[in-house]
Amino acid sequence: MRSLLLLALATLGLYWYAERYGLAVGYPPFLPVFYWKYTGEAVYPLRVTGLYDTVKVKVSGNLEEGRLQVALLKGGKPVGERTFAGTFQQELRFPVEAGEYALRFRLEGAKGRVRYDWVATKFAP
């Protein structure tokens, strides 16, 4: 009985925290990420060699609230960006040259699930 009470208190505490501050659980690109009223951003560095000409980003998910912005940055300036809300499943391709890039995922008031995956690769025209 004590274990059940402790579990109920922990669940209420987690719900209160998520409602007040937001919560993200998961680790891209390996696991889907679950958001509860989450606002924030994650930036992943990406090195592109001369052999690659495209950064491919696969994004799929369902956001009941809020929105997701995906951007590829070079030197802090956007090379390309896209915004998602609701239910989505998209493969984005950003043309690139050799160099250092950053892949930014920015969320605003997100509530739902998102799965990310990205790779720098060469595509036939």
Protein backbone atom coordinates (compact mmCIF):
# COMPACT_ATOMS: atom_id res chain seq x y z
CA MET A 1 0.00 0.00 0.00
CA ARG A 2 2.86 2.38 0.80
CA SER A 3 4.46 1.62 -2.56
CA LEU A 4 1.23 2.47 -4.33
CA LEU A 5 0.91 5.74 -2.41
CA LEU A 6 4.54 6.61 -3.16
CA LEU A 7 3.99 5.86 -6.85
CA ALA A 8 0.87 8.05 -6.91
CA LEU A 9 2.74 10.95 -5.26
CA ALA A 10 5.64 10.60 -7.70
CA THR A 11 3.22 10.61 -10.64
CA LEU A 12 1.44 13.72 -9.34
CA GLY A 13 4.79 15.41 -8.77
CA LEU A 14 5.94 14.62 -12.29
CA TYR A 15 2.64 15.87 -13.74
CA TRP A 16 2.88 19.11 -11.73
CA TYR A 17 6.47 19.66 -12.91
CA ALA A 18 5.59 18.98 -16.57
CA GLU A 19 2.59 21.33 -16.47
CA ARG A 20 4.59 24.12 -14.87
CA TYR A 21 8.05 23.86 -16.48
CA GLY A 22 7.70 21.48 -19.42
CA LEU A 23 9.23 18.05 -19.87
CA ALA A 24 11.12 16.19 -22.62
CA VAL A 25 11.92 12.48 -22.40
CA GLY A 26 13.93 10.64 -25.07
CA TYR A 27 17.21 10.86 -26.95
CA PRO A 28 17.37 11.61 -30.68
CA PRO A 29 18.22 10.12 -33.14
CA PHE A 30 17.93 6.72 -31.48
CA LEU A 31 14.66 7.09 -29.56
CA PRO A 32 11.51 9.12 -30.11
CA VAL A 33 11.21 12.14 -27.85
CA PHE A 34 8.04 12.75 -25.84
CA TYR A 35 7.25 16.38 -24.98
CA TRP A 36 4.85 17.85 -22.44
CA LYS A 37 4.46 21.63 -22.77
CA TYR A 38 8.17 21.84 -23.59
CA THR A 39 9.91 24.96 -24.89
CA GLY A 40 13.58 24.84 -25.76
CA GLU A 41 16.09 23.97 -28.42
CA ALA A 42 18.75 21.37 -29.15
CA VAL A 43 21.72 21.98 -31.43
CA TYR A 44 23.77 19.13 -32.91
CA PRO A 45 27.09 19.84 -34.68
CA LEU A 46 27.54 18.23 -38.07
CA ARG A 47 30.74 18.04 -40.14
CA VAL A 48 30.31 17.68 -43.89
CA THR A 49 33.26 16.57 -46.04
CA GLY A 50 33.72 17.21 -49.74
CA LEU A 51 32.12 13.87 -50.59
CA TYR A 52 28.65 14.86 -49.42
CA ASP A 53 26.28 17.31 -51.00
CA THR A 54 23.09 16.96 -48.94
CA VAL A 55 22.03 16.80 -45.32
CA LYS A 56 18.93 14.64 -45.02
CA VAL A 57 16.70 15.06 -41.96
CA LYS A 58 13.72 12.75 -41.36
CA VAL A 59 11.12 14.13 -38.97
CA SER A 60 7.89 12.41 -38.00
CA GLY A 61 5.53 12.92 -35.13
CA ASN A 62 2.31 14.19 -33.69
CA LEU A 63 2.17 17.44 -31.73
CA GLU A 64 -1.14 18.10 -30.02
CA GLU A 65 0.07 21.58 -29.09
CA GLY A 66 2.95 23.83 -30.07
CA ARG A 67 5.31 23.67 -32.99
CA LEU A 68 8.71 22.38 -34.07
CA GLN A 69 11.23 24.28 -36.16
CA VAL A 70 14.08 22.41 -37.88
CA ALA A 71 16.98 24.51 -39.20
CA LEU A 72 20.40 23.80 -40.68
CA LEU A 73 22.88 26.52 -39.78
CA LYS A 74 26.33 27.39 -41.14
CA GLY A 75 28.23 30.01 -39.21
CA GLY A 76 25.07 30.85 -37.26
CA LYS A 77 23.10 31.69 -40.41
CA PRO A 78 20.27 29.44 -41.64
CA VAL A 79 20.94 27.41 -44.78
CA GLY A 80 17.37 26.12 -44.68
CA GLU A 81 14.54 25.75 -42.18
CA ARG A 82 11.06 24.31 -41.85
CA THR A 83 8.30 24.54 -39.24
CA PHE A 84 5.94 21.69 -38.26
CA ALA A 85 2.73 21.42 -36.23
CA GLY A 86 0.05 18.76 -35.85
CA THR A 87 0.76 15.39 -37.48
CA PHE A 88 3.72 15.27 -39.86
CA GLN A 89 6.13 12.91 -41.57
CA GLN A 90 8.69 14.61 -43.76
CA GLU A 91 12.13 14.07 -45.23
CA LEU A 92 14.01 17.36 -45.57
CA ARG A 93 17.05 17.69 -47.83
CA PHE A 94 19.38 20.65 -47.46
CA PRO A 95 22.05 21.18 -50.15
CA VAL A 96 25.46 21.76 -48.52
CA GLU A 97 29.17 22.21 -49.23
CA ALA A 98 32.10 20.92 -47.21
CA GLY A 99 32.33 22.54 -43.77
CA GLU A 100 30.93 22.74 -40.26
CA TYR A 101 27.18 22.92 -39.80
CA ALA A 102 24.74 22.83 -36.90
CA LEU A 103 21.35 21.16 -36.94
CA ARG A 104 18.89 22.99 -34.66
CA PHE A 105 15.58 21.70 -33.36
CA ARG A 106 13.54 24.43 -31.66
CA LEU A 107 10.27 23.67 -29.87
CA GLU A 108 7.66 26.07 -28.54
CA GLY A 109 5.00 24.75 -26.15
CA ALA A 110 5.27 21.27 -27.66
CA LYS A 111 3.03 18.50 -26.39
CA GLY A 112 3.30 15.18 -28.20
CA ARG A 113 5.85 12.83 -29.77
CA VAL A 114 8.58 13.45 -32.37
CA ARG A 115 11.16 11.14 -33.95
CA TYR A 116 14.29 12.61 -35.56
CA ASP A 117 17.00 11.14 -37.76
CA TRP A 118 19.68 12.88 -39.84
CA VAL A 119 22.61 12.06 -42.11
CA ALA A 120 24.97 13.84 -44.50
CA THR A 121 24.99 11.92 -47.80
CA LYS A 122 25.37 12.07 -51.56
CA PHE A 123 22.26 11.85 -53.73
CA ALA A 124 22.08 11.30 -57.46
CA PRO A 125 20.46 14.25 -59.26
